[in-house]
Amino acid sequence: MSAKATGPGRGQAVTALLPLSLQGRRPGRLRVLLGWAPRRWAAAGATAAAVALLLASTSAPLDAGPAWAAMAVSILAVGSAAVGILAGSYVGAPAGAQPTVCDIRWPLLATLGLSLATTSAPGTLLVQLFAGLPQAAIQWAVQPGLGALALAVSAAALHRRLGIERDALTRPGAGPSCSTCRPLFPR
């Protein structure tokens, strides 16, 4: 069944793809997210766990004291969950919302920001970039700012992906098109 069907039955093909709770109205982004198949949630959870494990093992957020560690772990948990949900949106996306290679730049940028925001080692790239600042200023001003920016980037990318998916499910053929991007998962 193609979502790009033409003629009088065009909307019926897309309506059949929607969960029963979404049929008959234009769903919000949260409803689209709640309508995901278990396979997509599994991909999101596995990616979130992998990102959290990778960043926690490489940046050692617990080594700098309990107050800063609590902030770093919070940023790491929320950010890795957002990146995981973004990755879940790429798996089994409906026709018209297939991910492209261009779509992975924002999750990668957010993951880099999370890495810089949660590191506590004294000789890191972030410390070298801000070499004129004292360690406390980097730890209590620059890193929380980078963490907030990384969370904002991942939230904006997730908002966009869920909007594209919603539009693909409710209005086939109305989604954005990119002439320079290749599909992430070519068929």
Protein backbone atom coordinates (compact mmCIF):
# COMPACT_ATOMS: atom_id res chain seq x y z
CA MET A 1 0.00 0.00 0.00
CA SER A 2 1.58 3.26 -1.07
CA ALA A 3 1.13 6.53 0.76
CA LYS A 4 1.53 8.38 -2.54
CA ALA A 5 -1.59 6.93 -4.09
CA THR A 6 -3.56 9.22 -6.34
CA GLY A 7 -7.23 9.58 -7.01
CA PRO A 8 -10.24 9.49 -4.70
CA GLY A 9 -8.80 6.85 -2.32
CA ARG A 10 -5.62 8.83 -1.60
CA GLY A 11 -6.45 9.65 2.04
CA GLN A 12 -7.75 6.14 2.72
CA ALA A 13 -4.30 4.59 2.19
CA VAL A 14 -2.73 6.87 4.78
CA THR A 15 -5.62 6.48 7.22
CA ALA A 16 -5.13 2.73 7.16
CA LEU A 17 -1.50 3.22 8.25
CA LEU A 18 -2.44 5.29 11.31
CA PRO A 19 -3.22 3.69 14.65
CA LEU A 20 -6.93 3.73 15.48
CA SER A 21 -6.43 6.55 18.00
CA LEU A 22 -5.07 8.82 15.24
CA GLN A 23 -7.61 8.17 12.49
CA GLY A 24 -10.03 10.92 11.57
CA ARG A 25 -8.00 13.89 12.84
CA ARG A 26 -4.61 15.48 12.45
CA PRO A 27 -2.54 14.18 15.33
CA GLY A 28 -0.10 16.19 17.37
CA ARG A 29 3.54 15.26 17.57
CA LEU A 30 3.04 13.48 20.88
CA ARG A 31 0.27 11.32 19.41
CA VAL A 32 2.55 10.35 16.53
CA LEU A 33 5.23 9.42 19.04
CA LEU A 34 2.79 7.37 21.11
CA GLY A 35 1.66 5.54 17.97
CA TRP A 36 5.10 4.08 17.31
CA ALA A 37 5.60 0.36 16.91
CA PRO A 38 7.61 -1.52 19.56
CA ARG A 39 10.48 -1.90 17.08
CA ARG A 40 10.93 1.86 16.94
CA TRP A 41 10.84 2.17 20.74
CA ALA A 42 13.42 -0.61 21.01
CA ALA A 43 15.71 1.26 18.61
CA ALA A 44 15.20 4.47 20.58
CA GLY A 45 15.98 2.76 23.89
CA ALA A 46 19.03 0.96 22.57
CA THR A 47 20.42 4.14 21.04
CA ALA A 48 19.76 6.18 24.20
CA ALA A 49 21.49 3.55 26.33
CA ALA A 50 24.45 3.36 23.94
CA VAL A 51 24.87 7.15 23.83
CA ALA A 52 24.61 7.43 27.62
CA LEU A 53 27.07 4.60 28.16
CA LEU A 54 29.53 5.95 25.59
CA LEU A 55 29.44 9.49 26.94
CA ALA A 56 29.55 8.42 30.59
CA SER A 57 32.54 6.18 30.00
CA THR A 58 34.51 8.72 27.97
CA SER A 59 33.70 11.92 29.83
CA ALA A 60 33.64 10.64 33.46
CA PRO A 61 30.89 12.99 34.72
CA LEU A 62 30.98 11.56 38.26
CA ASP A 63 34.61 12.48 38.96
CA ALA A 64 34.15 16.21 39.65
CA GLY A 65 32.09 16.20 42.84
CA PRO A 66 28.49 15.44 43.74
CA ALA A 67 26.86 18.78 42.81
CA TRP A 68 28.42 19.03 39.38
CA ALA A 69 27.99 15.29 38.78
CA ALA A 70 24.24 15.57 39.43
CA MET A 71 23.96 18.34 36.84
CA ALA A 72 26.10 16.46 34.31
CA VAL A 73 24.19 13.21 34.76
CA SER A 74 20.87 15.04 34.36
CA ILE A 75 22.02 16.67 31.13
CA LEU A 76 23.40 13.33 29.95
CA ALA A 77 20.17 11.44 30.73
CA VAL A 78 17.83 13.92 29.05
CA GLY A 79 20.13 14.46 26.07
CA SER A 80 20.74 10.78 25.41
CA ALA A 81 17.00 10.10 25.65
CA ALA A 82 16.31 12.82 23.06
CA VAL A 83 19.02 11.49 20.74
CA GLY A 84 17.62 7.98 21.20
CA ILE A 85 14.10 9.06 20.27
CA LEU A 86 15.53 10.83 17.22
CA ALA A 87 17.23 7.60 16.19
CA GLY A 88 13.95 5.74 16.74
CA SER A 89 12.25 8.16 14.36
CA TYR A 90 14.61 6.98 11.61
CA VAL A 91 13.64 3.30 11.94
CA GLY A 92 10.58 2.26 9.97
CA ALA A 93 9.58 5.81 9.12
CA PRO A 94 6.40 6.07 7.04
CA ALA A 95 6.51 6.90 3.35
CA GLY A 96 7.25 10.58 2.95
CA ALA A 97 9.20 10.80 6.22
CA GLN A 98 12.15 8.59 5.37
CA PRO A 99 15.35 9.87 6.95
CA THR A 100 18.12 11.31 4.80
CA VAL A 101 21.84 11.59 5.38
CA CYS A 102 21.29 15.28 6.13
CA ASP A 103 19.03 14.35 9.08
CA ILE A 104 21.88 12.88 11.10
CA ARG A 105 23.84 16.13 11.43
CA TRP A 106 21.70 17.47 14.30
CA PRO A 107 21.83 14.36 16.52
CA LEU A 108 25.59 14.19 15.96
CA LEU A 109 25.99 17.86 16.85
CA ALA A 110 23.83 17.38 19.97
CA THR A 111 25.90 14.35 21.00
CA LEU A 112 29.10 16.34 20.60
CA GLY A 113 27.61 19.11 22.74
CA LEU A 114 26.57 16.58 25.37
CA SER A 115 30.10 15.19 25.41
CA LEU A 116 31.63 18.63 25.94
CA ALA A 117 29.02 19.57 28.54
CA THR A 118 29.49 16.50 30.72
CA THR A 119 33.26 16.00 30.73
CA SER A 120 35.13 16.62 33.96
CA ALA A 121 38.70 15.82 32.98
CA PRO A 122 41.09 18.78 33.31
CA GLY A 123 42.90 18.34 29.96
CA THR A 124 39.89 18.14 27.66
CA LEU A 125 39.20 19.96 24.44
CA LEU A 126 36.73 22.25 26.19
CA VAL A 127 39.34 23.34 28.74
CA GLN A 128 41.79 24.00 25.94
CA LEU A 129 39.22 26.00 23.96
CA PHE A 130 38.54 28.20 26.98
CA ALA A 131 42.11 28.23 28.29
CA GLY A 132 41.87 31.77 29.68
CA LEU A 133 38.99 30.93 32.01
CA PRO A 134 39.38 29.35 35.42
CA GLN A 135 38.22 25.73 35.78
CA ALA A 136 35.27 26.76 37.98
CA ALA A 137 33.97 29.17 35.31
CA ILE A 138 34.16 26.47 32.67
CA GLN A 139 32.47 23.95 34.92
CA TRP A 140 29.68 26.18 36.21
CA ALA A 141 29.04 28.53 33.27
CA VAL A 142 30.34 27.19 29.96
CA GLN A 143 29.42 23.53 30.41
CA PRO A 144 25.82 24.12 31.57
CA GLY A 145 25.40 26.53 28.65
CA LEU A 146 26.70 23.93 26.22
CA GLY A 147 24.44 21.33 27.83
CA ALA A 148 21.40 23.57 27.43
CA LEU A 149 22.37 24.26 23.82
CA ALA A 150 22.80 20.54 23.09
CA LEU A 151 19.39 19.82 24.62
CA ALA A 152 17.82 22.63 22.58
CA VAL A 153 19.37 21.31 19.36
CA SER A 154 18.15 17.78 19.99
CA ALA A 155 14.67 19.02 21.01
CA ALA A 156 14.40 21.14 17.86
CA ALA A 157 15.53 18.24 15.67
CA LEU A 158 13.04 15.91 17.37
CA HIS A 159 10.25 18.47 16.97
CA ARG A 160 11.04 18.74 13.25
CA ARG A 161 11.24 14.95 12.70
CA LEU A 162 7.94 14.30 14.47
CA GLY A 163 6.32 17.11 12.45
CA ILE A 164 7.58 15.59 9.20
CA GLU A 165 6.27 12.19 10.27
CA ARG A 166 2.90 13.66 11.25
CA ASP A 167 2.59 15.41 7.91
CA ALA A 168 3.58 12.25 6.04
CA LEU A 169 0.88 10.29 7.85
CA THR A 170 -1.90 12.83 7.46
CA ARG A 171 -1.04 14.66 4.23
CA PRO A 172 0.90 12.45 1.84
CA GLY A 173 3.05 14.31 -0.63
CA ALA A 174 3.09 17.50 1.47
CA GLY A 175 6.36 16.74 3.26
CA PRO A 176 9.60 18.57 2.61
CA SER A 177 11.80 17.40 -0.20
CA CYS A 178 15.55 17.69 -0.38
CA SER A 179 17.17 17.41 -3.78
CA THR A 180 20.72 17.16 -2.42
CA CYS A 181 20.19 14.56 0.34
CA ARG A 182 20.51 10.84 -0.12
CA PRO A 183 18.28 8.42 1.79
CA LEU A 184 19.85 7.20 5.03
CA PHE A 185 18.60 3.66 4.44
CA PRO A 186 18.44 3.14 0.64
CA ARG A 187 16.15 0.35 -0.49
